Amino acid sequence: MNEKIIDFKKSVYDLCSTDSDVIEILAQLGFKDITKPGMLNTAGRFMTIPKGAAMKKIDLNLIKDEFNKHGFKVLE
């Protein structure tokens, strides 16, 4: 499998626009709002994964591990 790169400094909107797998992974991790119509186009434009993790009280290391399992290399 080719390693994909995900940059946690980019907005959720940018990450999801580049790779649709990101939406599914985030939804599985508890970011259910990302699947609501319009949410990605509004909050997603300024929200980053670390900011969202802090808001939802989701351990950032858990998120990193999950992206690693799906073949992503995480940049911070």
PDB file of N, CA and C in Angstrom:
ATOM      1  N   MET A   1       0.843  -1.182   0.000  1.00  0.00           N
ATOM      2  CA  MET A   1       0.000   0.000   0.000  1.00  0.00           C
ATOM      3  C   MET A   1       0.884   1.239   0.000  1.00  0.00           C
ATOM      4  N   ASN A   2       0.515   2.195  -0.815  1.00  0.00           N
ATOM      5  CA  ASN A   2       1.251   3.442  -0.839  1.00  0.00           C
ATOM      6  C   ASN A   2       0.942   4.251   0.402  1.00  0.00           C
ATOM      7  N   GLU A   3       1.981   4.837   0.974  1.00  0.00           N
ATOM      8  CA  GLU A   3       1.783   5.666   2.158  1.00  0.00           C
ATOM      9  C   GLU A   3       1.222   7.022   1.736  1.00  0.00           C
ATOM     10  N   LYS A   4       0.138   7.412   2.398  1.00  0.00           N
ATOM     11  CA  LYS A   4      -0.459   8.713   2.142  1.00  0.00           C
ATOM     12  C   LYS A   4      -0.015   9.635   3.274  1.00  0.00           C
ATOM     13  N   ILE A   5       0.032  10.904   2.988  1.00  0.00           N
ATOM     14  CA  ILE A   5       0.459  11.882   3.989  1.00  0.00           C
ATOM     15  C   ILE A   5      -0.729  12.739   4.386  1.00  0.00           C
ATOM     16  N   ILE A   6      -0.890  12.931   5.694  1.00  0.00           N
ATOM     17  CA  ILE A   6      -1.930  13.818   6.205  1.00  0.00           C
ATOM     18  C   ILE A   6      -1.261  14.859   7.097  1.00  0.00           C
ATOM     19  N   ASP A   7      -1.516  16.111   6.781  1.00  0.00           N
ATOM     20  CA  ASP A   7      -0.899  17.229   7.497  1.00  0.00           C
ATOM     21  C   ASP A   7      -1.925  17.814   8.468  1.00  0.00           C
ATOM     22  N   PHE A   8      -1.707  17.631   9.763  1.00  0.00           N
ATOM     23  CA  PHE A   8      -2.648  18.081  10.783  1.00  0.00           C
ATOM     24  C   PHE A   8      -2.714  19.609  10.897  1.00  0.00           C
ATOM     25  N   LYS A   9      -1.849  20.326  10.183  1.00  0.00           N
ATOM     26  CA  LYS A   9      -1.912  21.792  10.189  1.00  0.00           C
ATOM     27  C   LYS A   9      -2.937  22.308   9.177  1.00  0.00           C
ATOM     28  N   LYS A  10      -3.344  21.452   8.231  1.00  0.00           N
ATOM     29  CA  LYS A  10      -4.318  21.847   7.216  1.00  0.00           C
ATOM     30  C   LYS A  10      -5.731  21.747   7.786  1.00  0.00           C
ATOM     31  N   SER A  11      -6.633  22.487   7.184  1.00  0.00           N
ATOM     32  CA  SER A  11      -8.028  22.443   7.640  1.00  0.00           C
ATOM     33  C   SER A  11      -8.650  21.092   7.293  1.00  0.00           C
ATOM     34  N   VAL A  12      -9.672  20.750   8.055  1.00  0.00           N
ATOM     35  CA  VAL A  12     -10.398  19.497   7.799  1.00  0.00           C
ATOM     36  C   VAL A  12     -10.986  19.533   6.391  1.00  0.00           C
ATOM     37  N   TYR A  13     -11.458  20.682   5.970  1.00  0.00           N
ATOM     38  CA  TYR A  13     -12.005  20.831   4.618  1.00  0.00           C
ATOM     39  C   TYR A  13     -10.959  20.460   3.567  1.00  0.00           C
ATOM     40  N   ASP A  14      -9.754  21.008   3.701  1.00  0.00           N
ATOM     41  CA  ASP A  14      -8.693  20.716   2.733  1.00  0.00           C
ATOM     42  C   ASP A  14      -8.337  19.227   2.732  1.00  0.00           C
ATOM     43  N   LEU A  15      -8.237  18.647   3.920  1.00  0.00           N
ATOM     44  CA  LEU A  15      -7.875  17.227   4.013  1.00  0.00           C
ATOM     45  C   LEU A  15      -8.939  16.339   3.388  1.00  0.00           C
ATOM     46  N   CYS A  16     -10.204  16.638   3.664  1.00  0.00           N
ATOM     47  CA  CYS A  16     -11.300  15.828   3.130  1.00  0.00           C
ATOM     48  C   CYS A  16     -11.472  16.032   1.633  1.00  0.00           C
ATOM     49  N   SER A  17     -11.146  17.227   1.144  1.00  0.00           N
ATOM     50  CA  SER A  17     -11.232  17.501  -0.295  1.00  0.00           C
ATOM     51  C   SER A  17     -10.173  16.729  -1.062  1.00  0.00           C
ATOM     52  N   THR A  18      -9.048  16.488  -0.415  1.00  0.00           N
ATOM     53  CA  THR A  18      -7.944  15.769  -1.043  1.00  0.00           C
ATOM     54  C   THR A  18      -8.157  14.259  -1.025  1.00  0.00           C
ATOM     55  N   ASP A  19      -8.755  13.744   0.065  1.00  0.00           N
ATOM     56  CA  ASP A  19      -8.919  12.297   0.221  1.00  0.00           C
ATOM     57  C   ASP A  19     -10.212  12.016   0.983  1.00  0.00           C
ATOM     58  N   SER A  20     -11.181  11.424   0.307  1.00  0.00           N
ATOM     59  CA  SER A  20     -12.485  11.151   0.924  1.00  0.00           C
ATOM     60  C   SER A  20     -12.410  10.138   2.067  1.00  0.00           C
ATOM     61  N   ASP A  21     -11.346   9.355   2.136  1.00  0.00           N
ATOM     62  CA  ASP A  21     -11.188   8.407   3.246  1.00  0.00           C
ATOM     63  C   ASP A  21     -11.091   9.137   4.586  1.00  0.00           C
ATOM     64  N   VAL A  22     -10.612  10.367   4.562  1.00  0.00           N
ATOM     65  CA  VAL A  22     -10.438  11.138   5.794  1.00  0.00           C
ATOM     66  C   VAL A  22     -11.791  11.336   6.485  1.00  0.00           C
ATOM     67  N   ILE A  23     -12.844  11.609   5.719  1.00  0.00           N
ATOM     68  CA  ILE A  23     -14.178  11.807   6.299  1.00  0.00           C
ATOM     69  C   ILE A  23     -14.612  10.557   7.050  1.00  0.00           C
ATOM     70  N   GLU A  24     -14.457   9.403   6.427  1.00  0.00           N
ATOM     71  CA  GLU A  24     -14.876   8.144   7.049  1.00  0.00           C
ATOM     72  C   GLU A  24     -14.082   7.856   8.320  1.00  0.00           C
ATOM     73  N   ILE A  25     -12.794   8.081   8.277  1.00  0.00           N
ATOM     74  CA  ILE A  25     -11.945   7.822   9.448  1.00  0.00           C
ATOM     75  C   ILE A  25     -12.341   8.753  10.595  1.00  0.00           C
ATOM     76  N   LEU A  26     -12.530  10.028  10.299  1.00  0.00           N
ATOM     77  CA  LEU A  26     -12.907  10.984  11.335  1.00  0.00           C
ATOM     78  C   LEU A  26     -14.280  10.656  11.922  1.00  0.00           C
ATOM     79  N   ALA A  27     -15.220  10.262  11.085  1.00  0.00           N
ATOM     80  CA  ALA A  27     -16.556   9.899  11.567  1.00  0.00           C
ATOM     81  C   ALA A  27     -16.483   8.697  12.511  1.00  0.00           C
ATOM     82  N   GLN A  28     -15.662   7.707  12.160  1.00  0.00           N
ATOM     83  CA  GLN A  28     -15.493   6.521  13.004  1.00  0.00           C
ATOM     84  C   GLN A  28     -14.863   6.875  14.350  1.00  0.00           C
ATOM     85  N   LEU A  29     -14.057   7.918  14.377  1.00  0.00           N
ATOM     86  CA  LEU A  29     -13.378   8.334  15.598  1.00  0.00           C
ATOM     87  C   LEU A  29     -14.253   9.192  16.511  1.00  0.00           C
ATOM     88  N   GLY A  30     -15.447   9.554  16.049  1.00  0.00           N
ATOM     89  CA  GLY A  30     -16.346  10.342  16.879  1.00  0.00           C
ATOM     90  C   GLY A  30     -16.675  11.726  16.352  1.00  0.00           C
ATOM     91  N   PHE A  31     -16.127  12.070  15.207  1.00  0.00           N
ATOM     92  CA  PHE A  31     -16.417  13.365  14.586  1.00  0.00           C
ATOM     93  C   PHE A  31     -17.630  13.215  13.667  1.00  0.00           C
ATOM     94  N   LYS A  32     -18.769  12.873  14.244  1.00  0.00           N
ATOM     95  CA  LYS A  32     -19.987  12.584  13.470  1.00  0.00           C
ATOM     96  C   LYS A  32     -20.491  13.805  12.696  1.00  0.00           C
ATOM     97  N   ASP A  33     -20.252  14.999  13.236  1.00  0.00           N
ATOM     98  CA  ASP A  33     -20.747  16.223  12.591  1.00  0.00           C
ATOM     99  C   ASP A  33     -20.153  16.432  11.205  1.00  0.00           C
ATOM    100  N   ILE A  34     -19.022  15.828  10.949  1.00  0.00           N
ATOM    101  CA  ILE A  34     -18.343  16.000   9.662  1.00  0.00           C
ATOM    102  C   ILE A  34     -19.194  15.447   8.506  1.00  0.00           C
ATOM    103  N   THR A  35     -20.105  14.524   8.830  1.00  0.00           N
ATOM    104  CA  THR A  35     -20.946  13.915   7.796  1.00  0.00           C
ATOM    105  C   THR A  35     -22.224  14.712   7.547  1.00  0.00           C
ATOM    106  N   LYS A  36     -22.501  15.731   8.375  1.00  0.00           N
ATOM    107  CA  LYS A  36     -23.710  16.547   8.195  1.00  0.00           C
ATOM    108  C   LYS A  36     -23.522  17.486   7.009  1.00  0.00           C
ATOM    109  N   PRO A  37     -24.571  17.609   6.186  1.00  0.00           N
ATOM    110  CA  PRO A  37     -24.479  18.516   5.025  1.00  0.00           C
ATOM    111  C   PRO A  37     -24.127  19.935   5.462  1.00  0.00           C
ATOM    112  N   GLY A  38     -23.174  20.515   4.798  1.00  0.00           N
ATOM    113  CA  GLY A  38     -22.777  21.887   5.072  1.00  0.00           C
ATOM    114  C   GLY A  38     -21.728  22.054   6.159  1.00  0.00           C
ATOM    115  N   MET A  39     -21.597  21.089   7.057  1.00  0.00           N
ATOM    116  CA  MET A  39     -20.658  21.232   8.169  1.00  0.00           C
ATOM    117  C   MET A  39     -19.217  21.329   7.655  1.00  0.00           C
ATOM    118  N   LEU A  40     -18.885  20.502   6.694  1.00  0.00           N
ATOM    119  CA  LEU A  40     -17.537  20.510   6.136  1.00  0.00           C
ATOM    120  C   LEU A  40     -17.232  21.848   5.467  1.00  0.00           C
ATOM    121  N   ASN A  41     -18.234  22.416   4.808  1.00  0.00           N
ATOM    122  CA  ASN A  41     -18.035  23.683   4.095  1.00  0.00           C
ATOM    123  C   ASN A  41     -18.014  24.898   5.011  1.00  0.00           C
ATOM    124  N   THR A  42     -18.474  24.758   6.244  1.00  0.00           N
ATOM    125  CA  THR A  42     -18.473  25.899   7.161  1.00  0.00           C
ATOM    126  C   THR A  42     -17.360  25.718   8.193  1.00  0.00           C
ATOM    127  N   ALA A  43     -17.630  24.964   9.238  1.00  0.00           N
ATOM    128  CA  ALA A  43     -16.645  24.774  10.317  1.00  0.00           C
ATOM    129  C   ALA A  43     -15.379  24.086   9.803  1.00  0.00           C
ATOM    130  N   GLY A  44     -15.531  23.204   8.836  1.00  0.00           N
ATOM    131  CA  GLY A  44     -14.399  22.461   8.302  1.00  0.00           C
ATOM    132  C   GLY A  44     -13.339  23.327   7.642  1.00  0.00           C
ATOM    133  N   ARG A  45     -13.721  24.523   7.231  1.00  0.00           N
ATOM    134  CA  ARG A  45     -12.768  25.417   6.550  1.00  0.00           C
ATOM    135  C   ARG A  45     -11.753  26.036   7.506  1.00  0.00           C
ATOM    136  N   PHE A  46     -12.105  26.123   8.806  1.00  0.00           N
ATOM    137  CA  PHE A  46     -11.148  26.692   9.764  1.00  0.00           C
ATOM    138  C   PHE A  46     -10.718  25.691  10.840  1.00  0.00           C
ATOM    139  N   MET A  47     -11.407  24.572  10.918  1.00  0.00           N
ATOM    140  CA  MET A  47     -11.107  23.562  11.938  1.00  0.00           C
ATOM    141  C   MET A  47      -9.968  22.657  11.469  1.00  0.00           C
ATOM    142  N   THR A  48      -9.040  22.385  12.380  1.00  0.00           N
ATOM    143  CA  THR A  48      -7.989  21.397  12.123  1.00  0.00           C
ATOM    144  C   THR A  48      -8.304  20.164  12.968  1.00  0.00           C
ATOM    145  N   ILE A  49      -7.665  19.066  12.678  1.00  0.00           N
ATOM    146  CA  ILE A  49      -7.889  17.847  13.453  1.00  0.00           C
ATOM    147  C   ILE A  49      -7.485  18.049  14.918  1.00  0.00           C
ATOM    148  N   PRO A  50      -6.330  18.641  15.221  1.00  0.00           N
ATOM    149  CA  PRO A  50      -5.997  18.858  16.641  1.00  0.00           C
ATOM    150  C   PRO A  50      -7.011  19.746  17.375  1.00  0.00           C
ATOM    151  N   LYS A  51      -7.521  20.796  16.716  1.00  0.00           N
ATOM    152  CA  LYS A  51      -8.534  21.655  17.348  1.00  0.00           C
ATOM    153  C   LYS A  51      -9.817  20.866  17.608  1.00  0.00           C
ATOM    154  N   GLY A  52     -10.216  20.082  16.631  1.00  0.00           N
ATOM    155  CA  GLY A  52     -11.422  19.266  16.784  1.00  0.00           C
ATOM    156  C   GLY A  52     -11.263  18.224  17.875  1.00  0.00           C
ATOM    157  N   ALA A  53     -10.086  17.636  17.960  1.00  0.00           N
ATOM    158  CA  ALA A  53      -9.820  16.636  18.998  1.00  0.00           C
ATOM    159  C   ALA A  53      -9.924  17.263  20.382  1.00  0.00           C
ATOM    160  N   ALA A  54      -9.406  18.471  20.525  1.00  0.00           N
ATOM    161  CA  ALA A  54      -9.480  19.169  21.809  1.00  0.00           C
ATOM    162  C   ALA A  54     -10.937  19.484  22.163  1.00  0.00           C
ATOM    163  N   MET A  55     -11.708  19.938  21.186  1.00  0.00           N
ATOM    164  CA  MET A  55     -13.115  20.263  21.429  1.00  0.00           C
ATOM    165  C   MET A  55     -13.928  19.036  21.819  1.00  0.00           C
ATOM    166  N   LYS A  56     -13.657  17.919  21.139  1.00  0.00           N
ATOM    167  CA  LYS A  56     -14.411  16.676  21.375  1.00  0.00           C
ATOM    168  C   LYS A  56     -13.801  15.825  22.485  1.00  0.00           C
ATOM    169  N   LYS A  57     -12.670  16.284  23.022  1.00  0.00           N
ATOM    170  CA  LYS A  57     -11.947  15.544  24.063  1.00  0.00           C
ATOM    171  C   LYS A  57     -11.586  14.117  23.602  1.00  0.00           C
ATOM    172  N   ILE A  58     -11.043  14.067  22.393  1.00  0.00           N
ATOM    173  CA  ILE A  58     -10.562  12.814  21.815  1.00  0.00           C
ATOM    174  C   ILE A  58      -9.041  12.874  21.807  1.00  0.00           C
ATOM    175  N   ASP A  59      -8.410  11.841  22.324  1.00  0.00           N
ATOM    176  CA  ASP A  59      -6.952  11.778  22.416  1.00  0.00           C
ATOM    177  C   ASP A  59      -6.334  11.864  21.017  1.00  0.00           C
ATOM    178  N   LEU A  60      -5.481  12.849  20.817  1.00  0.00           N
ATOM    179  CA  LEU A  60      -4.846  13.050  19.512  1.00  0.00           C
ATOM    180  C   LEU A  60      -3.995  11.848  19.111  1.00  0.00           C
ATOM    181  N   ASN A  61      -3.385  11.174  20.077  1.00  0.00           N
ATOM    182  CA  ASN A  61      -2.592   9.980  19.754  1.00  0.00           C
ATOM    183  C   ASN A  61      -3.468   8.864  19.204  1.00  0.00           C
ATOM    184  N   LEU A  62      -4.690   8.745  19.693  1.00  0.00           N
ATOM    185  CA  LEU A  62      -5.632   7.759  19.168  1.00  0.00           C
ATOM    186  C   LEU A  62      -5.942   8.059  17.703  1.00  0.00           C
ATOM    187  N   ILE A  63      -6.114   9.338  17.400  1.00  0.00           N
ATOM    188  CA  ILE A  63      -6.396   9.755  16.024  1.00  0.00           C
ATOM    189  C   ILE A  63      -5.199   9.451  15.124  1.00  0.00           C
ATOM    190  N   LYS A  64      -4.011   9.791  15.599  1.00  0.00           N
ATOM    191  CA  LYS A  64      -2.792   9.500  14.828  1.00  0.00           C
ATOM    192  C   LYS A  64      -2.661   8.012  14.556  1.00  0.00           C
ATOM    193  N   ASP A  65      -2.887   7.201  15.591  1.00  0.00           N
ATOM    194  CA  ASP A  65      -2.792   5.743  15.432  1.00  0.00           C
ATOM    195  C   ASP A  65      -3.768   5.233  14.384  1.00  0.00           C
ATOM    196  N   GLU A  66      -4.979   5.768  14.410  1.00  0.00           N
ATOM    197  CA  GLU A  66      -5.997   5.318  13.460  1.00  0.00           C
ATOM    198  C   GLU A  66      -5.605   5.677  12.034  1.00  0.00           C
ATOM    199  N   PHE A  67      -5.087   6.881  11.832  1.00  0.00           N
ATOM    200  CA  PHE A  67      -4.640   7.253  10.488  1.00  0.00           C
ATOM    201  C   PHE A  67      -3.450   6.395  10.055  1.00  0.00           C
ATOM    202  N   ASN A  68      -2.557   6.084  10.975  1.00  0.00           N
ATOM    203  CA  ASN A  68      -1.433   5.194  10.656  1.00  0.00           C
ATOM    204  C   ASN A  68      -1.928   3.823  10.220  1.00  0.00           C
ATOM    205  N   LYS A  69      -2.945   3.301  10.907  1.00  0.00           N
ATOM    206  CA  LYS A  69      -3.520   1.995  10.551  1.00  0.00           C
ATOM    207  C   LYS A  69      -4.096   1.999   9.141  1.00  0.00           C
ATOM    208  N   HIS A  70      -4.563   3.164   8.701  1.00  0.00           N
ATOM    209  CA  HIS A  70      -5.141   3.292   7.361  1.00  0.00           C
ATOM    210  C   HIS A  70      -4.105   3.696   6.316  1.00  0.00           C
ATOM    211  N   GLY A  71      -2.826   3.617   6.673  1.00  0.00           N
ATOM    212  CA  GLY A  71      -1.761   3.859   5.712  1.00  0.00           C
ATOM    213  C   GLY A  71      -1.329   5.307   5.558  1.00  0.00           C
ATOM    214  N   PHE A  72      -1.688   6.146   6.509  1.00  0.00           N
ATOM    215  CA  PHE A  72      -1.303   7.553   6.441  1.00  0.00           C
ATOM    216  C   PHE A  72      -0.062   7.807   7.295  1.00  0.00           C
ATOM    217  N   LYS A  73       0.773   8.713   6.808  1.00  0.00           N
ATOM    218  CA  LYS A  73       1.878   9.248   7.604  1.00  0.00           C
ATOM    219  C   LYS A  73       1.407  10.608   8.096  1.00  0.00           C
ATOM    220  N   VAL A  74       1.413  10.797   9.401  1.00  0.00           N
ATOM    221  CA  VAL A  74       0.877  12.020   9.995  1.00  0.00           C
ATOM    222  C   VAL A  74       1.983  13.058  10.136  1.00  0.00           C
ATOM    223  N   LEU A  75       1.708  14.254   9.616  1.00  0.00           N
ATOM    224  CA  LEU A  75       2.589  15.410   9.791  1.00  0.00           C
ATOM    225  C   LEU A  75       1.907  16.349  10.778  1.00  0.00           C
ATOM    226  N   GLU A  76       2.699  16.926  11.656  1.00  0.00           N
ATOM    227  CA  GLU A  76       2.126  17.853  12.640  1.00  0.00           C
ATOM    228  C   GLU A  76       2.685  19.244  12.470  1.00  0.00           C
TER     229      GLU A  76
END
